[in-house]
Amino acid sequence: MKFEVFWHRSSAADGRLWMAVNGQVIVDHYGSNMGANNAPINRIFMPNLYGSTAFPIYQWIDDLQIWDSFPPDAAPH
């Protein structure tokens, strides 16, 4: 599975949140997306595991990439 996320934080109409799964766009929202306190993004949590099973539990993440714009092989946007 390939999960892609792009966001441009802004308090104006040029803000954008875009997501795709396996090349299929599931969210493409334009508009303000700064949040209540206009705080900067200062961390990305990957992964957060929650479950009702006994510990230890595991989740494997492969090929995490962080770009400052859409990468050339991103789903159509």
Foldseek 3Di string as FASTA:
>chain_A
DDKDWDWDADQAQATWIWIDDPLHTDDTDTHHDCDDPSDDDDDDDPDDDDDPDDDDDDDDDPDDDDDPDDDPPHRDD
